[in-house]
Amino acid sequence: MTCRLQLFGATLVGLGVWMRADRESPFYLELLRSIPASPILTIDQLPVAVIAVGGCVAILSFLGCCGACFESICFLCMV
């Protein structure tokens, strides 16, 4: 299960980096049109938010995997 979460987090980080690097892609422009406007999150901040969420998911799932491997109750409770 944690391996899937790590892959999901890494995918989100990759998607965010791609969105940040290639702003003129037709797929990216279509994705932006499908997302409703939000006063909290502007279009320019969307790639940074996707990278941040993906990084958090990947790191937390990695820490959970390490806690399970070392069978550390304290480490698992932290995650």
PDB file of N, CA and C in Angstrom:
ATOM      1  N   MET A   1       0.816  -1.195   0.000  1.00  0.00           N
ATOM      2  CA  MET A   1       0.000   0.000   0.000  1.00  0.00           C
ATOM      3  C   MET A   1       0.861   1.261   0.000  1.00  0.00           C
ATOM      4  N   THR A   2       1.911   1.271   0.810  1.00  0.00           N
ATOM      5  CA  THR A   2       2.732   2.477   0.869  1.00  0.00           C
ATOM      6  C   THR A   2       3.515   2.680  -0.427  1.00  0.00           C
ATOM      7  N   CYS A   3       3.807   1.594  -1.121  1.00  0.00           N
ATOM      8  CA  CYS A   3       4.510   1.733  -2.401  1.00  0.00           C
ATOM      9  C   CYS A   3       3.626   2.477  -3.404  1.00  0.00           C
ATOM     10  N   ARG A   4       2.339   2.200  -3.372  1.00  0.00           N
ATOM     11  CA  ARG A   4       1.419   2.904  -4.266  1.00  0.00           C
ATOM     12  C   ARG A   4       1.343   4.377  -3.902  1.00  0.00           C
ATOM     13  N   LEU A   5       1.328   4.658  -2.604  1.00  0.00           N
ATOM     14  CA  LEU A   5       1.293   6.055  -2.186  1.00  0.00           C
ATOM     15  C   LEU A   5       2.574   6.787  -2.570  1.00  0.00           C
ATOM     16  N   GLN A   6       3.709   6.108  -2.484  1.00  0.00           N
ATOM     17  CA  GLN A   6       4.964   6.722  -2.899  1.00  0.00           C
ATOM     18  C   GLN A   6       4.940   7.022  -4.389  1.00  0.00           C
ATOM     19  N   LEU A   7       4.425   6.097  -5.164  1.00  0.00           N
ATOM     20  CA  LEU A   7       4.327   6.329  -6.611  1.00  0.00           C
ATOM     21  C   LEU A   7       3.352   7.451  -6.930  1.00  0.00           C
ATOM     22  N   PHE A   8       2.254   7.509  -6.191  1.00  0.00           N
ATOM     23  CA  PHE A   8       1.284   8.588  -6.382  1.00  0.00           C
ATOM     24  C   PHE A   8       1.901   9.938  -6.046  1.00  0.00           C
ATOM     25  N   GLY A   9       2.641   9.997  -4.939  1.00  0.00           N
ATOM     26  CA  GLY A   9       3.318  11.237  -4.564  1.00  0.00           C
ATOM     27  C   GLY A   9       4.351  11.653  -5.582  1.00  0.00           C
ATOM     28  N   ALA A  10       5.128  10.693  -6.058  1.00  0.00           N
ATOM     29  CA  ALA A  10       6.137  10.998  -7.073  1.00  0.00           C
ATOM     30  C   ALA A  10       5.478  11.446  -8.381  1.00  0.00           C
ATOM     31  N   THR A  11       4.338  10.868  -8.711  1.00  0.00           N
ATOM     32  CA  THR A  11       3.609  11.271  -9.906  1.00  0.00           C
ATOM     33  C   THR A  11       3.101  12.700  -9.775  1.00  0.00           C
ATOM     34  N   LEU A  12       2.595  13.045  -8.586  1.00  0.00           N
ATOM     35  CA  LEU A  12       2.142  14.418  -8.378  1.00  0.00           C
ATOM     36  C   LEU A  12       3.302  15.410  -8.466  1.00  0.00           C
ATOM     37  N   VAL A  13       4.442  15.054  -7.915  1.00  0.00           N
ATOM     38  CA  VAL A  13       5.617  15.933  -8.014  1.00  0.00           C
ATOM     39  C   VAL A  13       6.010  16.106  -9.481  1.00  0.00           C
ATOM     40  N   GLY A  14       6.042  15.013 -10.223  1.00  0.00           N
ATOM     41  CA  GLY A  14       6.371  15.086 -11.649  1.00  0.00           C
ATOM     42  C   GLY A  14       5.376  15.924 -12.430  1.00  0.00           C
ATOM     43  N   LEU A  15       4.102  15.766 -12.125  1.00  0.00           N
ATOM     44  CA  LEU A  15       3.068  16.554 -12.798  1.00  0.00           C
ATOM     45  C   LEU A  15       3.226  18.037 -12.476  1.00  0.00           C
ATOM     46  N   GLY A  16       3.523  18.351 -11.219  1.00  0.00           N
ATOM     47  CA  GLY A  16       3.720  19.744 -10.837  1.00  0.00           C
ATOM     48  C   GLY A  16       4.930  20.369 -11.505  1.00  0.00           C
ATOM     49  N   VAL A  17       6.010  19.608 -11.590  1.00  0.00           N
ATOM     50  CA  VAL A  17       7.220  20.122 -12.265  1.00  0.00           C
ATOM     51  C   VAL A  17       6.939  20.332 -13.744  1.00  0.00           C
ATOM     52  N   TRP A  18       6.222  19.392 -14.348  1.00  0.00           N
ATOM     53  CA  TRP A  18       5.875  19.537 -15.765  1.00  0.00           C
ATOM     54  C   TRP A  18       4.977  20.758 -15.980  1.00  0.00           C
ATOM     55  N   MET A  19       4.000  20.952 -15.084  1.00  0.00           N
ATOM     56  CA  MET A  19       3.112  22.106 -15.200  1.00  0.00           C
ATOM     57  C   MET A  19       3.890  23.412 -15.035  1.00  0.00           C
ATOM     58  N   ARG A  20       4.872  23.401 -14.173  1.00  0.00           N
ATOM     59  CA  ARG A  20       5.684  24.612 -13.931  1.00  0.00           C
ATOM     60  C   ARG A  20       6.608  24.900 -15.122  1.00  0.00           C
ATOM     61  N   ALA A  21       7.131  23.861 -15.747  1.00  0.00           N
ATOM     62  CA  ALA A  21       8.097  24.048 -16.829  1.00  0.00           C
ATOM     63  C   ALA A  21       7.437  24.353 -18.169  1.00  0.00           C
ATOM     64  N   ASP A  22       6.314  23.701 -18.470  1.00  0.00           N
ATOM     65  CA  ASP A  22       5.685  23.823 -19.791  1.00  0.00           C
ATOM     66  C   ASP A  22       4.303  24.429 -19.641  1.00  0.00           C
ATOM     67  N   ARG A  23       4.245  25.732 -19.619  1.00  0.00           N
ATOM     68  CA  ARG A  23       2.960  26.420 -19.423  1.00  0.00           C
ATOM     69  C   ARG A  23       2.175  26.608 -20.718  1.00  0.00           C
ATOM     70  N   GLU A  24       2.756  26.345 -21.852  1.00  0.00           N
ATOM     71  CA  GLU A  24       2.085  26.557 -23.129  1.00  0.00           C
ATOM     72  C   GLU A  24       1.542  25.269 -23.748  1.00  0.00           C
ATOM     73  N   SER A  25       1.597  24.166 -23.021  1.00  0.00           N
ATOM     74  CA  SER A  25       1.126  22.891 -23.544  1.00  0.00           C
ATOM     75  C   SER A  25      -0.400  22.899 -23.662  1.00  0.00           C
ATOM     76  N   PRO A  26      -0.948  22.326 -24.730  1.00  0.00           N
ATOM     77  CA  PRO A  26      -2.408  22.276 -24.876  1.00  0.00           C
ATOM     78  C   PRO A  26      -3.074  21.474 -23.758  1.00  0.00           C
ATOM     79  N   PHE A  27      -2.426  20.417 -23.306  1.00  0.00           N
ATOM     80  CA  PHE A  27      -2.996  19.618 -22.221  1.00  0.00           C
ATOM     81  C   PHE A  27      -3.081  20.434 -20.938  1.00  0.00           C
ATOM     82  N   TYR A  28      -2.050  21.200 -20.655  1.00  0.00           N
ATOM     83  CA  TYR A  28      -2.024  22.032 -19.449  1.00  0.00           C
ATOM     84  C   TYR A  28      -3.099  23.112 -19.524  1.00  0.00           C
ATOM     85  N   LEU A  29      -3.253  23.728 -20.676  1.00  0.00           N
ATOM     86  CA  LEU A  29      -4.268  24.763 -20.822  1.00  0.00           C
ATOM     87  C   LEU A  29      -5.671  24.181 -20.676  1.00  0.00           C
ATOM     88  N   GLU A  30      -5.887  22.984 -21.193  1.00  0.00           N
ATOM     89  CA  GLU A  30      -7.194  22.325 -21.045  1.00  0.00           C
ATOM     90  C   GLU A  30      -7.445  21.951 -19.585  1.00  0.00           C
ATOM     91  N   LEU A  31      -6.405  21.521 -18.893  1.00  0.00           N
ATOM     92  CA  LEU A  31      -6.532  21.197 -17.469  1.00  0.00           C
ATOM     93  C   LEU A  31      -6.906  22.433 -16.664  1.00  0.00           C
ATOM     94  N   LEU A  32      -6.311  23.558 -16.989  1.00  0.00           N
ATOM     95  CA  LEU A  32      -6.625  24.788 -16.278  1.00  0.00           C
ATOM     96  C   LEU A  32      -8.054  25.249 -16.542  1.00  0.00           C
ATOM     97  N   ARG A  33      -8.556  25.004 -17.753  1.00  0.00           N
ATOM     98  CA  ARG A  33      -9.935  25.383 -18.050  1.00  0.00           C
ATOM     99  C   ARG A  33     -10.938  24.508 -17.309  1.00  0.00           C
ATOM    100  N   SER A  34     -10.560  23.264 -17.014  1.00  0.00           N
ATOM    101  CA  SER A  34     -11.501  22.355 -16.355  1.00  0.00           C
ATOM    102  C   SER A  34     -11.577  22.579 -14.849  1.00  0.00           C
ATOM    103  N   ILE A  35     -10.586  23.264 -14.260  1.00  0.00           N
ATOM    104  CA  ILE A  35     -10.582  23.512 -12.821  1.00  0.00           C
ATOM    105  C   ILE A  35     -11.338  24.806 -12.552  1.00  0.00           C
ATOM    106  N   PRO A  36     -12.322  24.761 -11.647  1.00  0.00           N
ATOM    107  CA  PRO A  36     -13.047  25.998 -11.341  1.00  0.00           C
ATOM    108  C   PRO A  36     -12.143  27.004 -10.630  1.00  0.00           C
ATOM    109  N   ALA A  37     -12.440  28.267 -10.827  1.00  0.00           N
ATOM    110  CA  ALA A  37     -11.636  29.326 -10.214  1.00  0.00           C
ATOM    111  C   ALA A  37     -11.836  29.323  -8.702  1.00  0.00           C
ATOM    112  N   SER A  38     -10.756  29.499  -7.988  1.00  0.00           N
ATOM    113  CA  SER A  38     -10.789  29.528  -6.536  1.00  0.00           C
ATOM    114  C   SER A  38     -10.082  30.795  -6.059  1.00  0.00           C
ATOM    115  N   PRO A  39     -10.675  31.512  -5.115  1.00  0.00           N
ATOM    116  CA  PRO A  39      -9.999  32.727  -4.637  1.00  0.00           C
ATOM    117  C   PRO A  39      -8.751  32.413  -3.816  1.00  0.00           C
ATOM    118  N   ILE A  40      -8.665  31.211  -3.248  1.00  0.00           N
ATOM    119  CA  ILE A  40      -7.520  30.844  -2.419  1.00  0.00           C
ATOM    120  C   ILE A  40      -6.324  30.457  -3.279  1.00  0.00           C
ATOM    121  N   LEU A  41      -6.569  29.699  -4.331  1.00  0.00           N
ATOM    122  CA  LEU A  41      -5.495  29.155  -5.156  1.00  0.00           C
ATOM    123  C   LEU A  41      -5.578  29.755  -6.554  1.00  0.00           C
ATOM    124  N   THR A  42      -4.606  30.564  -6.915  1.00  0.00           N
ATOM    125  CA  THR A  42      -4.602  31.152  -8.251  1.00  0.00           C
ATOM    126  C   THR A  42      -3.932  30.193  -9.231  1.00  0.00           C
ATOM    127  N   ILE A  43      -4.070  30.482 -10.488  1.00  0.00           N
ATOM    128  CA  ILE A  43      -3.528  29.621 -11.528  1.00  0.00           C
ATOM    129  C   ILE A  43      -2.003  29.537 -11.444  1.00  0.00           C
ATOM    130  N   ASP A  44      -1.357  30.611 -11.068  1.00  0.00           N
ATOM    131  CA  ASP A  44       0.106  30.600 -10.986  1.00  0.00           C
ATOM    132  C   ASP A  44       0.606  29.764  -9.824  1.00  0.00           C
ATOM    133  N   GLN A  45      -0.192  29.595  -8.791  1.00  0.00           N
ATOM    134  CA  GLN A  45       0.221  28.839  -7.617  1.00  0.00           C
ATOM    135  C   GLN A  45      -0.120  27.354  -7.722  1.00  0.00           C
ATOM    136  N   LEU A  46      -0.880  26.966  -8.711  1.00  0.00           N
ATOM    137  CA  LEU A  46      -1.305  25.572  -8.844  1.00  0.00           C
ATOM    138  C   LEU A  46      -0.146  24.594  -8.971  1.00  0.00           C
ATOM    139  N   PRO A  47       0.855  24.819  -9.826  1.00  0.00           N
ATOM    140  CA  PRO A  47       1.965  23.857  -9.895  1.00  0.00           C
ATOM    141  C   PRO A  47       2.722  23.717  -8.575  1.00  0.00           C
ATOM    142  N   VAL A  48       2.909  24.817  -7.868  1.00  0.00           N
ATOM    143  CA  VAL A  48       3.621  24.770  -6.587  1.00  0.00           C
ATOM    144  C   VAL A  48       2.809  23.966  -5.566  1.00  0.00           C
ATOM    145  N   ALA A  49       1.496  24.137  -5.576  1.00  0.00           N
ATOM    146  CA  ALA A  49       0.636  23.392  -4.654  1.00  0.00           C
ATOM    147  C   ALA A  49       0.667  21.896  -4.970  1.00  0.00           C
ATOM    148  N   VAL A  50       0.667  21.539  -6.248  1.00  0.00           N
ATOM    149  CA  VAL A  50       0.714  20.126  -6.640  1.00  0.00           C
ATOM    150  C   VAL A  50       2.050  19.506  -6.232  1.00  0.00           C
ATOM    151  N   ILE A  51       3.146  20.248  -6.397  1.00  0.00           N
ATOM    152  CA  ILE A  51       4.457  19.751  -5.982  1.00  0.00           C
ATOM    153  C   ILE A  51       4.496  19.565  -4.472  1.00  0.00           C
ATOM    154  N   ALA A  52       3.948  20.518  -3.726  1.00  0.00           N
ATOM    155  CA  ALA A  52       3.966  20.431  -2.264  1.00  0.00           C
ATOM    156  C   ALA A  52       3.143  19.251  -1.755  1.00  0.00           C
ATOM    157  N   VAL A  53       1.958  19.058  -2.302  1.00  0.00           N
ATOM    158  CA  VAL A  53       1.109  17.941  -1.877  1.00  0.00           C
ATOM    159  C   VAL A  53       1.759  16.612  -2.250  1.00  0.00           C
ATOM    160  N   GLY A  54       2.294  16.521  -3.448  1.00  0.00           N
ATOM    161  CA  GLY A  54       2.963  15.291  -3.879  1.00  0.00           C
ATOM    162  C   GLY A  54       4.179  14.973  -3.030  1.00  0.00           C
ATOM    163  N   GLY A  55       4.952  15.995  -2.700  1.00  0.00           N
ATOM    164  CA  GLY A  55       6.122  15.785  -1.851  1.00  0.00           C
ATOM    165  C   GLY A  55       5.739  15.314  -0.463  1.00  0.00           C
ATOM    166  N   CYS A  56       4.697  15.905   0.114  1.00  0.00           N
ATOM    167  CA  CYS A  56       4.237  15.482   1.445  1.00  0.00           C
ATOM    168  C   CYS A  56       3.741  14.036   1.426  1.00  0.00           C
ATOM    169  N   VAL A  57       2.980  13.675   0.406  1.00  0.00           N
ATOM    170  CA  VAL A  57       2.473  12.303   0.311  1.00  0.00           C
ATOM    171  C   VAL A  57       3.629  11.316   0.162  1.00  0.00           C
ATOM    172  N   ALA A  58       4.585  11.636  -0.683  1.00  0.00           N
ATOM    173  CA  ALA A  58       5.721  10.735  -0.908  1.00  0.00           C
ATOM    174  C   ALA A  58       6.567  10.584   0.353  1.00  0.00           C
ATOM    175  N   ILE A  59       6.847  11.681   1.041  1.00  0.00           N
ATOM    176  CA  ILE A  59       7.675  11.615   2.247  1.00  0.00           C
ATOM    177  C   ILE A  59       6.968  10.873   3.367  1.00  0.00           C
ATOM    178  N   LEU A  60       5.688  11.158   3.587  1.00  0.00           N
ATOM    179  CA  LEU A  60       4.961  10.476   4.656  1.00  0.00           C
ATOM    180  C   LEU A  60       4.804   8.985   4.378  1.00  0.00           C
ATOM    181  N   SER A  61       4.579   8.607   3.142  1.00  0.00           N
ATOM    182  CA  SER A  61       4.458   7.182   2.841  1.00  0.00           C
ATOM    183  C   SER A  61       5.808   6.486   2.969  1.00  0.00           C
ATOM    184  N   PHE A  62       6.890   7.176   2.621  1.00  0.00           N
ATOM    185  CA  PHE A  62       8.224   6.600   2.805  1.00  0.00           C
ATOM    186  C   PHE A  62       8.533   6.409   4.281  1.00  0.00           C
ATOM    187  N   LEU A  63       8.198   7.389   5.102  1.00  0.00           N
ATOM    188  CA  LEU A  63       8.436   7.268   6.539  1.00  0.00           C
ATOM    189  C   LEU A  63       7.587   6.150   7.142  1.00  0.00           C
ATOM    190  N   GLY A  64       6.362   5.994   6.661  1.00  0.00           N
ATOM    191  CA  GLY A  64       5.524   4.893   7.130  1.00  0.00           C
ATOM    192  C   GLY A  64       6.096   3.542   6.740  1.00  0.00           C
ATOM    193  N   CYS A  65       6.655   3.456   5.546  1.00  0.00           N
ATOM    194  CA  CYS A  65       7.288   2.220   5.094  1.00  0.00           C
ATOM    195  C   CYS A  65       8.512   1.899   5.940  1.00  0.00           C
ATOM    196  N   CYS A  66       9.317   2.918   6.251  1.00  0.00           N
ATOM    197  CA  CYS A  66      10.499   2.702   7.104  1.00  0.00           C
ATOM    198  C   CYS A  66      10.078   2.275   8.504  1.00  0.00           C
ATOM    199  N   GLY A  67       9.027   2.872   9.038  1.00  0.00           N
ATOM    200  CA  GLY A  67       8.536   2.490  10.359  1.00  0.00           C
ATOM    201  C   GLY A  67       8.032   1.063  10.391  1.00  0.00           C
ATOM    202  N   ALA A  68       7.412   0.621   9.315  1.00  0.00           N
ATOM    203  CA  ALA A  68       6.939  -0.760   9.249  1.00  0.00           C
ATOM    204  C   ALA A  68       8.101  -1.734   9.108  1.00  0.00           C
ATOM    205  N   CYS A  69       9.121  -1.353   8.356  1.00  0.00           N
ATOM    206  CA  CYS A  69      10.284  -2.237   8.182  1.00  0.00           C
ATOM    207  C   CYS A  69      11.065  -2.411   9.478  1.00  0.00           C
ATOM    208  N   PHE A  70      11.207  -1.317  10.231  1.00  0.00           N
ATOM    209  CA  PHE A  70      11.961  -1.386  11.482  1.00  0.00           C
ATOM    210  C   PHE A  70      11.082  -1.775  12.666  1.00  0.00           C
ATOM    211  N   GLU A  71       9.777  -1.930  12.420  1.00  0.00           N
ATOM    212  CA  GLU A  71       8.786  -2.280  13.443  1.00  0.00           C
ATOM    213  C   GLU A  71       8.870  -1.352  14.633  1.00  0.00           C
ATOM    214  N   SER A  72       8.947  -0.073  14.365  1.00  0.00           N
ATOM    215  CA  SER A  72       9.043   0.945  15.394  1.00  0.00           C
ATOM    216  C   SER A  72       7.646   1.531  15.634  1.00  0.00           C
ATOM    217  N   ILE A  73       7.091   1.279  16.803  1.00  0.00           N
ATOM    218  CA  ILE A  73       5.756   1.769  17.127  1.00  0.00           C
ATOM    219  C   ILE A  73       5.758   3.290  17.209  1.00  0.00           C
ATOM    220  N   CYS A  74       6.792   3.838  17.809  1.00  0.00           N
ATOM    221  CA  CYS A  74       6.898   5.293  17.938  1.00  0.00           C
ATOM    222  C   CYS A  74       6.969   5.957  16.563  1.00  0.00           C
ATOM    223  N   PHE A  75       7.740   5.354  15.669  1.00  0.00           N
ATOM    224  CA  PHE A  75       7.888   5.889  14.321  1.00  0.00           C
ATOM    225  C   PHE A  75       6.577   5.807  13.547  1.00  0.00           C
ATOM    226  N   LEU A  76       5.850   4.717  13.703  1.00  0.00           N
ATOM    227  CA  LEU A  76       4.575   4.557  13.018  1.00  0.00           C
ATOM    228  C   LEU A  76       3.527   5.512  13.566  1.00  0.00           C
ATOM    229  N   CYS A  77       3.543   5.752  14.881  1.00  0.00           N
ATOM    230  CA  CYS A  77       2.590   6.687  15.467  1.00  0.00           C
ATOM    231  C   CYS A  77       2.854   8.108  15.004  1.00  0.00           C
ATOM    232  N   MET A  78       4.113   8.430  14.755  1.00  0.00           N
ATOM    233  CA  MET A  78       4.446   9.757  14.261  1.00  0.00           C
ATOM    234  C   MET A  78       3.856   9.970  12.864  1.00  0.00           C
ATOM    235  N   VAL A  79       3.923   8.944  12.055  1.00  0.00           N
ATOM    236  CA  VAL A  79       3.417   9.044  10.692  1.00  0.00           C
ATOM    237  C   VAL A  79       1.914   8.930  10.715  1.00  0.00           C
TER     238      VAL A  79
END
